Amino acid sequence: MADSDSDSERQAREQIAAAEEAEARDRVSGMASLFDLRMVIGGLLALYGVTLTVMGLFASEDAKAKAAGININLWAGLVILAGGAIFLAWVVLRPLRAEDLQDTDTDRPRAE
């Protein structure tokens, strides 16, 4: 009878350990995509790029004359918008994985 109890306890501990490991893995992968700095940078660049591009499309001749005849808002907006698109494409094409985060975090002790 005691052998049966120890087997069931061992199986229960293994199941609990497997469930905790799966939960931790899911939590880390969710946090990785939630706090991806590339997404923040890409979004802000895209927002500023759209703003400058729209300003450049409706720029007056007086504003163009101040920049030696170049519509600087339009060109700067397009370049910044392209930079934002590159960052956002990078997020989509190479998403962060939990393994990448665990390998780089060497300062913290691992939870056992």
PDB file of N, CA and C in Angstrom:
ATOM      1  N   MET A   1       0.825  -1.197   0.000  1.00  0.00           N
ATOM      2  CA  MET A   1       0.000   0.000   0.000  1.00  0.00           C
ATOM      3  C   MET A   1       0.871   1.263   0.000  1.00  0.00           C
ATOM      4  N   ALA A   2       1.946   1.259   0.777  1.00  0.00           N
ATOM      5  CA  ALA A   2       2.832   2.419   0.858  1.00  0.00           C
ATOM      6  C   ALA A   2       3.519   2.659  -0.474  1.00  0.00           C
ATOM      7  N   ASP A   3       3.816   1.583  -1.214  1.00  0.00           N
ATOM      8  CA  ASP A   3       4.461   1.715  -2.520  1.00  0.00           C
ATOM      9  C   ASP A   3       3.517   2.382  -3.517  1.00  0.00           C
ATOM     10  N   SER A   4       2.242   2.054  -3.421  1.00  0.00           N
ATOM     11  CA  SER A   4       1.229   2.649  -4.287  1.00  0.00           C
ATOM     12  C   SER A   4       1.074   4.141  -4.001  1.00  0.00           C
ATOM     13  N   ASP A   5       1.132   4.528  -2.729  1.00  0.00           N
ATOM     14  CA  ASP A   5       1.036   5.934  -2.355  1.00  0.00           C
ATOM     15  C   ASP A   5       2.228   6.723  -2.873  1.00  0.00           C
ATOM     16  N   SER A   6       3.425   6.154  -2.779  1.00  0.00           N
ATOM     17  CA  SER A   6       4.614   6.875  -3.239  1.00  0.00           C
ATOM     18  C   SER A   6       4.602   7.018  -4.758  1.00  0.00           C
ATOM     19  N   ASP A   7       4.075   6.008  -5.484  1.00  0.00           N
ATOM     20  CA  ASP A   7       3.956   6.126  -6.937  1.00  0.00           C
ATOM     21  C   ASP A   7       2.975   7.229  -7.326  1.00  0.00           C
ATOM     22  N   SER A   8       1.848   7.270  -6.661  1.00  0.00           N
ATOM     23  CA  SER A   8       0.851   8.292  -6.984  1.00  0.00           C
ATOM     24  C   SER A   8       1.363   9.692  -6.618  1.00  0.00           C
ATOM     25  N   GLU A   9       2.101   9.803  -5.510  1.00  0.00           N
ATOM     26  CA  GLU A   9       2.682  11.094  -5.130  1.00  0.00           C
ATOM     27  C   GLU A   9       3.728  11.529  -6.150  1.00  0.00           C
ATOM     28  N   ARG A  10       4.539  10.579  -6.595  1.00  0.00           N
ATOM     29  CA  ARG A  10       5.567  10.894  -7.589  1.00  0.00           C
ATOM     30  C   ARG A  10       4.924  11.345  -8.898  1.00  0.00           C
ATOM     31  N   GLN A  11       3.889  10.659  -9.329  1.00  0.00           N
ATOM     32  CA  GLN A  11       3.192  11.037 -10.550  1.00  0.00           C
ATOM     33  C   GLN A  11       2.540  12.408 -10.410  1.00  0.00           C
ATOM     34  N   ALA A  12       1.973  12.666  -9.260  1.00  0.00           N
ATOM     35  CA  ALA A  12       1.350  13.969  -9.022  1.00  0.00           C
ATOM     36  C   ALA A  12       2.392  15.076  -9.074  1.00  0.00           C
ATOM     37  N   ARG A  13       3.552  14.850  -8.462  1.00  0.00           N
ATOM     38  CA  ARG A  13       4.629  15.858  -8.490  1.00  0.00           C
ATOM     39  C   ARG A  13       5.113  16.098  -9.922  1.00  0.00           C
ATOM     40  N   GLU A  14       5.237  15.034 -10.701  1.00  0.00           N
ATOM     41  CA  GLU A  14       5.672  15.176 -12.093  1.00  0.00           C
ATOM     42  C   GLU A  14       4.659  15.965 -12.906  1.00  0.00           C
ATOM     43  N   GLN A  15       3.378  15.698 -12.688  1.00  0.00           N
ATOM     44  CA  GLN A  15       2.340  16.429 -13.402  1.00  0.00           C
ATOM     45  C   GLN A  15       2.324  17.903 -13.009  1.00  0.00           C
ATOM     46  N   ILE A  16       2.502  18.167 -11.736  1.00  0.00           N
ATOM     47  CA  ILE A  16       2.540  19.558 -11.271  1.00  0.00           C
ATOM     48  C   ILE A  16       3.748  20.283 -11.859  1.00  0.00           C
ATOM     49  N   ALA A  17       4.901  19.618 -11.858  1.00  0.00           N
ATOM     50  CA  ALA A  17       6.108  20.228 -12.411  1.00  0.00           C
ATOM     51  C   ALA A  17       5.943  20.505 -13.901  1.00  0.00           C
ATOM     52  N   ALA A  18       5.346  19.566 -14.631  1.00  0.00           N
ATOM     53  CA  ALA A  18       5.138  19.762 -16.073  1.00  0.00           C
ATOM     54  C   ALA A  18       4.166  20.915 -16.326  1.00  0.00           C
ATOM     55  N   ALA A  19       3.111  21.005 -15.523  1.00  0.00           N
ATOM     56  CA  ALA A  19       2.144  22.091 -15.687  1.00  0.00           C
ATOM     57  C   ALA A  19       2.769  23.449 -15.378  1.00  0.00           C
ATOM     58  N   GLU A  20       3.579  23.518 -14.323  1.00  0.00           N
ATOM     59  CA  GLU A  20       4.234  24.778 -13.976  1.00  0.00           C
ATOM     60  C   GLU A  20       5.225  25.196 -15.052  1.00  0.00           C
ATOM     61  N   GLU A  21       5.939  24.237 -15.618  1.00  0.00           N
ATOM     62  CA  GLU A  21       6.907  24.545 -16.674  1.00  0.00           C
ATOM     63  C   GLU A  21       6.186  25.068 -17.916  1.00  0.00           C
ATOM     64  N   ALA A  22       5.081  24.432 -18.289  1.00  0.00           N
ATOM     65  CA  ALA A  22       4.317  24.894 -19.446  1.00  0.00           C
ATOM     66  C   ALA A  22       3.741  26.291 -19.211  1.00  0.00           C
ATOM     67  N   GLU A  23       3.255  26.546 -18.008  1.00  0.00           N
ATOM     68  CA  GLU A  23       2.716  27.858 -17.674  1.00  0.00           C
ATOM     69  C   GLU A  23       3.798  28.932 -17.740  1.00  0.00           C
ATOM     70  N   ALA A  24       4.980  28.632 -17.225  1.00  0.00           N
ATOM     71  CA  ALA A  24       6.085  29.593 -17.257  1.00  0.00           C
ATOM     72  C   ALA A  24       6.510  29.876 -18.698  1.00  0.00           C
ATOM     73  N   ARG A  25       6.537  28.836 -19.527  1.00  0.00           N
ATOM     74  CA  ARG A  25       6.921  28.995 -20.925  1.00  0.00           C
ATOM     75  C   ARG A  25       5.913  29.879 -21.653  1.00  0.00           C
ATOM     76  N   ASP A  26       4.631  29.648 -21.409  1.00  0.00           N
ATOM     77  CA  ASP A  26       3.596  30.466 -22.044  1.00  0.00           C
ATOM     78  C   ASP A  26       3.671  31.911 -21.576  1.00  0.00           C
ATOM     79  N   ARG A  27       3.934  32.121 -20.299  1.00  0.00           N
ATOM     80  CA  ARG A  27       4.018  33.467 -19.740  1.00  0.00           C
ATOM     81  C   ARG A  27       5.182  34.233 -20.362  1.00  0.00           C
ATOM     82  N   VAL A  28       6.336  33.583 -20.495  1.00  0.00           N
ATOM     83  CA  VAL A  28       7.514  34.249 -21.052  1.00  0.00           C
ATOM     84  C   VAL A  28       7.296  34.588 -22.520  1.00  0.00           C
ATOM     85  N   SER A  29       6.717  33.674 -23.282  1.00  0.00           N
ATOM     86  CA  SER A  29       6.513  33.953 -24.700  1.00  0.00           C
ATOM     87  C   SER A  29       5.490  35.070 -24.897  1.00  0.00           C
ATOM     88  N   GLY A  30       4.470  35.133 -24.061  1.00  0.00           N
ATOM     89  CA  GLY A  30       3.494  36.216 -24.150  1.00  0.00           C
ATOM     90  C   GLY A  30       4.093  37.553 -23.787  1.00  0.00           C
ATOM     91  N   MET A  31       4.922  37.588 -22.765  1.00  0.00           N
ATOM     92  CA  MET A  31       5.563  38.832 -22.348  1.00  0.00           C
ATOM     93  C   MET A  31       6.562  39.299 -23.405  1.00  0.00           C
ATOM     94  N   ALA A  32       7.201  38.366 -24.092  1.00  0.00           N
ATOM     95  CA  ALA A  32       8.174  38.746 -25.113  1.00  0.00           C
ATOM     96  C   ALA A  32       7.507  39.523 -26.226  1.00  0.00           C
ATOM     97  N   SER A  33       6.365  39.061 -26.687  1.00  0.00           N
ATOM     98  CA  SER A  33       5.704  39.767 -27.769  1.00  0.00           C
ATOM     99  C   SER A  33       5.028  41.047 -27.279  1.00  0.00           C
ATOM    100  N   LEU A  34       4.622  41.080 -26.029  1.00  0.00           N
ATOM    101  CA  LEU A  34       3.943  42.244 -25.488  1.00  0.00           C
ATOM    102  C   LEU A  34       4.891  43.434 -25.342  1.00  0.00           C
ATOM    103  N   PHE A  35       6.105  43.200 -24.908  1.00  0.00           N
ATOM    104  CA  PHE A  35       7.049  44.282 -24.640  1.00  0.00           C
ATOM    105  C   PHE A  35       8.189  44.325 -25.652  1.00  0.00           C
ATOM    106  N   ASP A  36       7.898  44.058 -26.901  1.00  0.00           N
ATOM    107  CA  ASP A  36       8.924  44.103 -27.929  1.00  0.00           C
ATOM    108  C   ASP A  36       9.188  45.563 -28.287  1.00  0.00           C
ATOM    109  N   LEU A  37      10.382  46.026 -28.010  1.00  0.00           N
ATOM    110  CA  LEU A  37      10.737  47.432 -28.225  1.00  0.00           C
ATOM    111  C   LEU A  37      10.700  47.808 -29.709  1.00  0.00           C
ATOM    112  N   ARG A  38      10.941  46.847 -30.589  1.00  0.00           N
ATOM    113  CA  ARG A  38      10.886  47.132 -32.022  1.00  0.00           C
ATOM    114  C   ARG A  38       9.492  47.586 -32.441  1.00  0.00           C
ATOM    115  N   MET A  39       8.478  47.033 -31.788  1.00  0.00           N
ATOM    116  CA  MET A  39       7.095  47.404 -32.109  1.00  0.00           C
ATOM    117  C   MET A  39       6.827  48.853 -31.706  1.00  0.00           C
ATOM    118  N   VAL A  40       7.315  49.255 -30.560  1.00  0.00           N
ATOM    119  CA  VAL A  40       7.120  50.631 -30.090  1.00  0.00           C
ATOM    120  C   VAL A  40       7.851  51.615 -31.004  1.00  0.00           C
ATOM    121  N   ILE A  41       9.099  51.307 -31.318  1.00  0.00           N
ATOM    122  CA  ILE A  41       9.884  52.199 -32.174  1.00  0.00           C
ATOM    123  C   ILE A  41       9.265  52.288 -33.564  1.00  0.00           C
ATOM    124  N   GLY A  42       8.894  51.149 -34.126  1.00  0.00           N
ATOM    125  CA  GLY A  42       8.279  51.140 -35.454  1.00  0.00           C
ATOM    126  C   GLY A  42       6.963  51.893 -35.490  1.00  0.00           C
ATOM    127  N   GLY A  43       6.157  51.724 -34.455  1.00  0.00           N
ATOM    128  CA  GLY A  43       4.880  52.429 -34.409  1.00  0.00           C
ATOM    129  C   GLY A  43       5.051  53.932 -34.315  1.00  0.00           C
ATOM    130  N   LEU A  44       5.980  54.364 -33.476  1.00  0.00           N
ATOM    131  CA  LEU A  44       6.211  55.813 -33.352  1.00  0.00           C
ATOM    132  C   LEU A  44       6.792  56.409 -34.635  1.00  0.00           C
ATOM    133  N   LEU A  45       7.739  55.705 -35.245  1.00  0.00           N
ATOM    134  CA  LEU A  45       8.293  56.205 -36.510  1.00  0.00           C
ATOM    135  C   LEU A  45       7.214  56.276 -37.580  1.00  0.00           C
ATOM    136  N   ALA A  46       6.363  55.271 -37.640  1.00  0.00           N
ATOM    137  CA  ALA A  46       5.283  55.286 -38.625  1.00  0.00           C
ATOM    138  C   ALA A  46       4.326  56.451 -38.366  1.00  0.00           C
ATOM    139  N   LEU A  47       3.992  56.685 -37.118  1.00  0.00           N
ATOM    140  CA  LEU A  47       3.095  57.796 -36.773  1.00  0.00           C
ATOM    141  C   LEU A  47       3.706  59.142 -37.166  1.00  0.00           C
ATOM    142  N   TYR A  48       4.976  59.352 -36.802  1.00  0.00           N
ATOM    143  CA  TYR A  48       5.642  60.615 -37.162  1.00  0.00           C
ATOM    144  C   TYR A  48       5.810  60.728 -38.672  1.00  0.00           C
ATOM    145  N   GLY A  49       6.083  59.625 -39.334  1.00  0.00           N
ATOM    146  CA  GLY A  49       6.242  59.642 -40.790  1.00  0.00           C
ATOM    147  C   GLY A  49       4.954  60.013 -41.497  1.00  0.00           C
ATOM    148  N   VAL A  50       3.841  59.445 -41.042  1.00  0.00           N
ATOM    149  CA  VAL A  50       2.546  59.786 -41.640  1.00  0.00           C
ATOM    150  C   VAL A  50       2.235  61.264 -41.401  1.00  0.00           C
ATOM    151  N   THR A  51       2.507  61.742 -40.202  1.00  0.00           N
ATOM    152  CA  THR A  51       2.234  63.145 -39.885  1.00  0.00           C
ATOM    153  C   THR A  51       3.034  64.083 -40.786  1.00  0.00           C
ATOM    154  N   LEU A  52       4.330  63.809 -40.918  1.00  0.00           N
ATOM    155  CA  LEU A  52       5.156  64.676 -41.770  1.00  0.00           C
ATOM    156  C   LEU A  52       4.781  64.552 -43.240  1.00  0.00           C
ATOM    157  N   THR A  53       4.438  63.372 -43.691  1.00  0.00           N
ATOM    158  CA  THR A  53       4.048  63.187 -45.089  1.00  0.00           C
ATOM    159  C   THR A  53       2.779  63.971 -45.399  1.00  0.00           C
ATOM    160  N   VAL A  54       1.808  63.911 -44.512  1.00  0.00           N
ATOM    161  CA  VAL A  54       0.565  64.669 -44.723  1.00  0.00           C
ATOM    162  C   VAL A  54       0.858  66.172 -44.704  1.00  0.00           C
ATOM    163  N   MET A  55       1.712  66.591 -43.783  1.00  0.00           N
ATOM    164  CA  MET A  55       2.081  68.014 -43.755  1.00  0.00           C
ATOM    165  C   MET A  55       2.794  68.415 -45.043  1.00  0.00           C
ATOM    166  N   GLY A  56       3.627  67.522 -45.558  1.00  0.00           N
ATOM    167  CA  GLY A  56       4.330  67.811 -46.803  1.00  0.00           C
ATOM    168  C   GLY A  56       3.411  67.853 -48.006  1.00  0.00           C
ATOM    169  N   LEU A  57       2.374  67.027 -48.010  1.00  0.00           N
ATOM    170  CA  LEU A  57       1.431  67.043 -49.130  1.00  0.00           C
ATOM    171  C   LEU A  57       0.650  68.346 -49.204  1.00  0.00           C
ATOM    172  N   PHE A  58       0.415  68.969 -48.070  1.00  0.00           N
ATOM    173  CA  PHE A  58      -0.362  70.211 -48.030  1.00  0.00           C
ATOM    174  C   PHE A  58       0.510  71.424 -47.700  1.00  0.00           C
ATOM    175  N   ALA A  59       1.801  71.334 -47.988  1.00  0.00           N
ATOM    176  CA  ALA A  59       2.716  72.443 -47.681  1.00  0.00           C
ATOM    177  C   ALA A  59       2.498  73.608 -48.645  1.00  0.00           C
ATOM    178  N   SER A  60       2.668  74.800 -48.121  1.00  0.00           N
ATOM    179  CA  SER A  60       2.517  75.995 -48.956  1.00  0.00           C
ATOM    180  C   SER A  60       3.814  76.256 -49.726  1.00  0.00           C
ATOM    181  N   GLU A  61       3.691  77.090 -50.730  1.00  0.00           N
ATOM    182  CA  GLU A  61       4.873  77.451 -51.525  1.00  0.00           C
ATOM    183  C   GLU A  61       5.877  78.232 -50.677  1.00  0.00           C
ATOM    184  N   ASP A  62       5.377  78.964 -49.697  1.00  0.00           N
ATOM    185  CA  ASP A  62       6.251  79.722 -48.798  1.00  0.00           C
ATOM    186  C   ASP A  62       7.124  78.780 -47.973  1.00  0.00           C
ATOM    187  N   ALA A  63       6.536  77.682 -47.500  1.00  0.00           N
ATOM    188  CA  ALA A  63       7.300  76.710 -46.713  1.00  0.00           C
ATOM    189  C   ALA A  63       8.345  76.012 -47.578  1.00  0.00           C
ATOM    190  N   LYS A  64       8.009  75.749 -48.824  1.00  0.00           N
ATOM    191  CA  LYS A  64       8.968  75.125 -49.743  1.00  0.00           C
ATOM    192  C   LYS A  64      10.125  76.079 -50.059  1.00  0.00           C
ATOM    193  N   ALA A  65       9.816  77.354 -50.169  1.00  0.00           N
ATOM    194  CA  ALA A  65      10.847  78.343 -50.487  1.00  0.00           C
ATOM    195  C   ALA A  65      11.858  78.462 -49.355  1.00  0.00           C
ATOM    196  N   LYS A  66      11.415  78.272 -48.115  1.00  0.00           N
ATOM    197  CA  LYS A  66      12.335  78.333 -46.976  1.00  0.00           C
ATOM    198  C   LYS A  66      13.359  77.201 -47.012  1.00  0.00           C
ATOM    199  N   ALA A  67      13.032  76.093 -47.675  1.00  0.00           N
ATOM    200  CA  ALA A  67      13.924  74.933 -47.729  1.00  0.00           C
ATOM    201  C   ALA A  67      14.547  74.798 -49.106  1.00  0.00           C
ATOM    202  N   ALA A  68      14.845  75.901 -49.746  1.00  0.00           N
ATOM    203  CA  ALA A  68      15.505  75.946 -51.055  1.00  0.00           C
ATOM    204  C   ALA A  68      14.694  75.215 -52.122  1.00  0.00           C
ATOM    205  N   GLY A  69      13.371  75.304 -52.042  1.00  0.00           N
ATOM    206  CA  GLY A  69      12.503  74.713 -53.052  1.00  0.00           C
ATOM    207  C   GLY A  69      12.222  73.233 -52.873  1.00  0.00           C
ATOM    208  N   ILE A  70      12.749  72.653 -51.815  1.00  0.00           N
ATOM    209  CA  ILE A  70      12.535  71.219 -51.563  1.00  0.00           C
ATOM    210  C   ILE A  70      11.419  71.073 -50.534  1.00  0.00           C
ATOM    211  N   ASN A  71      10.513  70.186 -50.789  1.00  0.00           N
ATOM    212  CA  ASN A  71       9.435  69.910 -49.835  1.00  0.00           C
ATOM    213  C   ASN A  71      10.002  68.974 -48.760  1.00  0.00           C
ATOM    214  N   ILE A  72      10.683  69.550 -47.795  1.00  0.00           N
ATOM    215  CA  ILE A  72      11.430  68.780 -46.801  1.00  0.00           C
ATOM    216  C   ILE A  72      10.522  67.938 -45.918  1.00  0.00           C
ATOM    217  N   ASN A  73       9.321  68.436 -45.606  1.00  0.00           N
ATOM    218  CA  ASN A  73       8.396  67.651 -44.793  1.00  0.00           C
ATOM    219  C   ASN A  73       7.977  66.375 -45.513  1.00  0.00           C
ATOM    220  N   LEU A  74       7.717  66.474 -46.783  1.00  0.00           N
ATOM    221  CA  LEU A  74       7.314  65.304 -47.560  1.00  0.00           C
ATOM    222  C   LEU A  74       8.427  64.271 -47.615  1.00  0.00           C
ATOM    223  N   TRP A  75       9.628  64.704 -47.955  1.00  0.00           N
ATOM    224  CA  TRP A  75      10.741  63.750 -48.087  1.00  0.00           C
ATOM    225  C   TRP A  75      11.151  63.155 -46.739  1.00  0.00           C
ATOM    226  N   ALA A  76      11.207  63.987 -45.716  1.00  0.00           N
ATOM    227  CA  ALA A  76      11.553  63.470 -44.389  1.00  0.00           C
ATOM    228  C   ALA A  76      10.468  62.516 -43.893  1.00  0.00           C
ATOM    229  N   GLY A  77       9.209  62.842 -44.146  1.00  0.00           N
ATOM    230  CA  GLY A  77       8.113  61.969 -43.755  1.00  0.00           C
ATOM    231  C   GLY A  77       8.177  60.621 -44.431  1.00  0.00           C
ATOM    232  N   LEU A  78       8.498  60.614 -45.710  1.00  0.00           N
ATOM    233  CA  LEU A  78       8.597  59.350 -46.439  1.00  0.00           C
ATOM    234  C   LEU A  78       9.757  58.489 -45.932  1.00  0.00           C
ATOM    235  N   VAL A  79      10.875  59.136 -45.634  1.00  0.00           N
ATOM    236  CA  VAL A  79      12.030  58.389 -45.119  1.00  0.00           C
ATOM    237  C   VAL A  79      11.735  57.821 -43.723  1.00  0.00           C
ATOM    238  N   ILE A  80      11.136  58.622 -42.867  1.00  0.00           N
ATOM    239  CA  ILE A  80      10.797  58.153 -41.515  1.00  0.00           C
ATOM    240  C   ILE A  80       9.732  57.059 -41.584  1.00  0.00           C
ATOM    241  N   LEU A  81       8.774  57.215 -42.489  1.00  0.00           N
ATOM    242  CA  LEU A  81       7.743  56.194 -42.678  1.00  0.00           C
ATOM    243  C   LEU A  81       8.365  54.878 -43.148  1.00  0.00           C
ATOM    244  N   ALA A  82       9.354  54.961 -44.029  1.00  0.00           N
ATOM    245  CA  ALA A  82      10.049  53.748 -44.475  1.00  0.00           C
ATOM    246  C   ALA A  82      10.802  53.096 -43.315  1.00  0.00           C
ATOM    247  N   GLY A  83      11.414  53.913 -42.459  1.00  0.00           N
ATOM    248  CA  GLY A  83      12.097  53.364 -41.281  1.00  0.00           C
ATOM    249  C   GLY A  83      11.134  52.659 -40.345  1.00  0.00           C
ATOM    250  N   GLY A  84       9.967  53.246 -40.127  1.00  0.00           N
ATOM    251  CA  GLY A  84       8.951  52.603 -39.297  1.00  0.00           C
ATOM    252  C   GLY A  84       8.467  51.303 -39.902  1.00  0.00           C
ATOM    253  N   ALA A  85       8.305  51.287 -41.224  1.00  0.00           N
ATOM    254  CA  ALA A  85       7.872  50.060 -41.902  1.00  0.00           C
ATOM    255  C   ALA A  85       8.925  48.963 -41.772  1.00  0.00           C
ATOM    256  N   ILE A  86      10.189  49.337 -41.802  1.00  0.00           N
ATOM    257  CA  ILE A  86      11.268  48.348 -41.630  1.00  0.00           C
ATOM    258  C   ILE A  86      11.214  47.743 -40.238  1.00  0.00           C
ATOM    259  N   PHE A  87      11.043  48.568 -39.218  1.00  0.00           N
ATOM    260  CA  PHE A  87      10.951  48.048 -37.850  1.00  0.00           C
ATOM    261  C   PHE A  87       9.746  47.133 -37.681  1.00  0.00           C
ATOM    262  N   LEU A  88       8.591  47.535 -38.207  1.00  0.00           N
ATOM    263  CA  LEU A  88       7.393  46.720 -38.071  1.00  0.00           C
ATOM    264  C   LEU A  88       7.516  45.415 -38.858  1.00  0.00           C
ATOM    265  N   ALA A  89       8.151  45.461 -40.027  1.00  0.00           N
ATOM    266  CA  ALA A  89       8.376  44.223 -40.784  1.00  0.00           C
ATOM    267  C   ALA A  89       9.330  43.306 -40.030  1.00  0.00           C
ATOM    268  N   TRP A  90      10.317  43.876 -39.359  1.00  0.00           N
ATOM    269  CA  TRP A  90      11.260  43.096 -38.562  1.00  0.00           C
ATOM    270  C   TRP A  90      10.530  42.342 -37.446  1.00  0.00           C
ATOM    271  N   VAL A  91       9.571  43.004 -36.822  1.00  0.00           N
ATOM    272  CA  VAL A  91       8.790  42.360 -35.756  1.00  0.00           C
ATOM    273  C   VAL A  91       8.017  41.171 -36.316  1.00  0.00           C
ATOM    274  N   VAL A  92       7.430  41.354 -37.490  1.00  0.00           N
ATOM    275  CA  VAL A  92       6.608  40.300 -38.072  1.00  0.00           C
ATOM    276  C   VAL A  92       7.475  39.148 -38.581  1.00  0.00           C
ATOM    277  N   LEU A  93       8.580  39.479 -39.224  1.00  0.00           N
ATOM    278  CA  LEU A  93       9.418  38.438 -39.840  1.00  0.00           C
ATOM    279  C   LEU A  93      10.291  37.689 -38.850  1.00  0.00           C
ATOM    280  N   ARG A  94      10.726  38.338 -37.775  1.00  0.00           N
ATOM    281  CA  ARG A  94      11.568  37.692 -36.767  1.00  0.00           C
ATOM    282  C   ARG A  94      11.024  37.954 -35.375  1.00  0.00           C
ATOM    283  N   PRO A  95       9.917  37.307 -35.007  1.00  0.00           N
ATOM    284  CA  PRO A  95       9.354  37.535 -33.670  1.00  0.00           C
ATOM    285  C   PRO A  95      10.274  36.991 -32.583  1.00  0.00           C
ATOM    286  N   LEU A  96      10.180  37.582 -31.404  1.00  0.00           N
ATOM    287  CA  LEU A  96      10.974  37.111 -30.276  1.00  0.00           C
ATOM    288  C   LEU A  96      10.459  35.765 -29.820  1.00  0.00           C
ATOM    289  N   ARG A  97      11.377  34.909 -29.406  1.00  0.00           N
ATOM    290  CA  ARG A  97      11.010  33.606 -28.858  1.00  0.00           C
ATOM    291  C   ARG A  97      11.451  33.564 -27.408  1.00  0.00           C
ATOM    292  N   ALA A  98      10.798  32.729 -26.639  1.00  0.00           N
ATOM    293  CA  ALA A  98      11.127  32.608 -25.224  1.00  0.00           C
ATOM    294  C   ALA A  98      12.558  32.113 -25.037  1.00  0.00           C
ATOM    295  N   GLU A  99      13.033  31.251 -25.932  1.00  0.00           N
ATOM    296  CA  GLU A  99      14.401  30.726 -25.814  1.00  0.00           C
ATOM    297  C   GLU A  99      15.434  31.842 -25.958  1.00  0.00           C
ATOM    298  N   ASP A 100      15.142  32.825 -26.825  1.00  0.00           N
ATOM    299  CA  ASP A 100      16.069  33.943 -27.002  1.00  0.00           C
ATOM    300  C   ASP A 100      16.200  34.753 -25.721  1.00  0.00           C
ATOM    301  N   LEU A 101      15.091  34.957 -25.032  1.00  0.00           N
ATOM    302  CA  LEU A 101      15.125  35.732 -23.798  1.00  0.00           C
ATOM    303  C   LEU A 101      15.816  34.982 -22.677  1.00  0.00           C
ATOM    304  N   GLN A 102      15.625  33.683 -22.592  1.00  0.00           N
ATOM    305  CA  GLN A 102      16.224  32.906 -21.516  1.00  0.00           C
ATOM    306  C   GLN A 102      17.732  32.806 -21.682  1.00  0.00           C
ATOM    307  N   ASP A 103      18.225  32.732 -22.908  1.00  0.00           N
ATOM    308  CA  ASP A 103      19.662  32.611 -23.138  1.00  0.00           C
ATOM    309  C   ASP A 103      20.405  33.895 -22.820  1.00  0.00           C
ATOM    310  N   THR A 104      19.788  35.051 -23.033  1.00  0.00           N
ATOM    311  CA  THR A 104      20.488  36.320 -22.835  1.00  0.00           C
ATOM    312  C   THR A 104      20.430  36.792 -21.392  1.00  0.00           C
ATOM    313  N   ASP A 105      19.553  36.259 -20.586  1.00  0.00           N
ATOM    314  CA  ASP A 105      19.378  36.705 -19.203  1.00  0.00           C
ATOM    315  C   ASP A 105      20.274  35.882 -18.286  1.00  0.00           C
ATOM    316  N   THR A 106      21.583  36.206 -18.274  1.00  0.00           N
ATOM    317  CA  THR A 106      22.535  35.416 -17.508  1.00  0.00           C
ATOM    318  C   THR A 106      22.781  35.979 -16.108  1.00  0.00           C
ATOM    319  N   ASP A 107      22.324  37.203 -15.849  1.00  0.00           N
ATOM    320  CA  ASP A 107      22.576  37.818 -14.547  1.00  0.00           C
ATOM    321  C   ASP A 107      21.696  37.243 -13.443  1.00  0.00           C
ATOM    322  N   ARG A 108      20.523  36.785 -13.794  1.00  0.00           N
ATOM    323  CA  ARG A 108      19.585  36.290 -12.803  1.00  0.00           C
ATOM    324  C   ARG A 108      19.762  34.787 -12.597  1.00  0.00           C
ATOM    325  N   PRO A 109      19.637  34.350 -11.374  1.00  0.00           N
ATOM    326  CA  PRO A 109      19.700  32.901 -11.142  1.00  0.00           C
ATOM    327  C   PRO A 109      18.428  32.249 -11.672  1.00  0.00           C
ATOM    328  N   ARG A 110      18.565  31.022 -12.158  1.00  0.00           N
ATOM    329  CA  ARG A 110      17.417  30.297 -12.682  1.00  0.00           C
ATOM    330  C   ARG A 110      16.583  29.710 -11.561  1.00  0.00           C
ATOM    331  N   ALA A 111      15.280  29.773 -11.715  1.00  0.00           N
ATOM    332  CA  ALA A 111      14.382  29.184 -10.720  1.00  0.00           C
ATOM    333  C   ALA A 111      14.308  27.687 -10.962  1.00  0.00           C
ATOM    334  N   GLU A 112      14.476  26.936  -9.945  1.00  0.00           N
ATOM    335  CA  GLU A 112      14.459  25.468 -10.073  1.00  0.00           C
ATOM    336  C   GLU A 112      13.168  24.927  -9.545  1.00  0.00           C
TER     337      GLU A 112
END
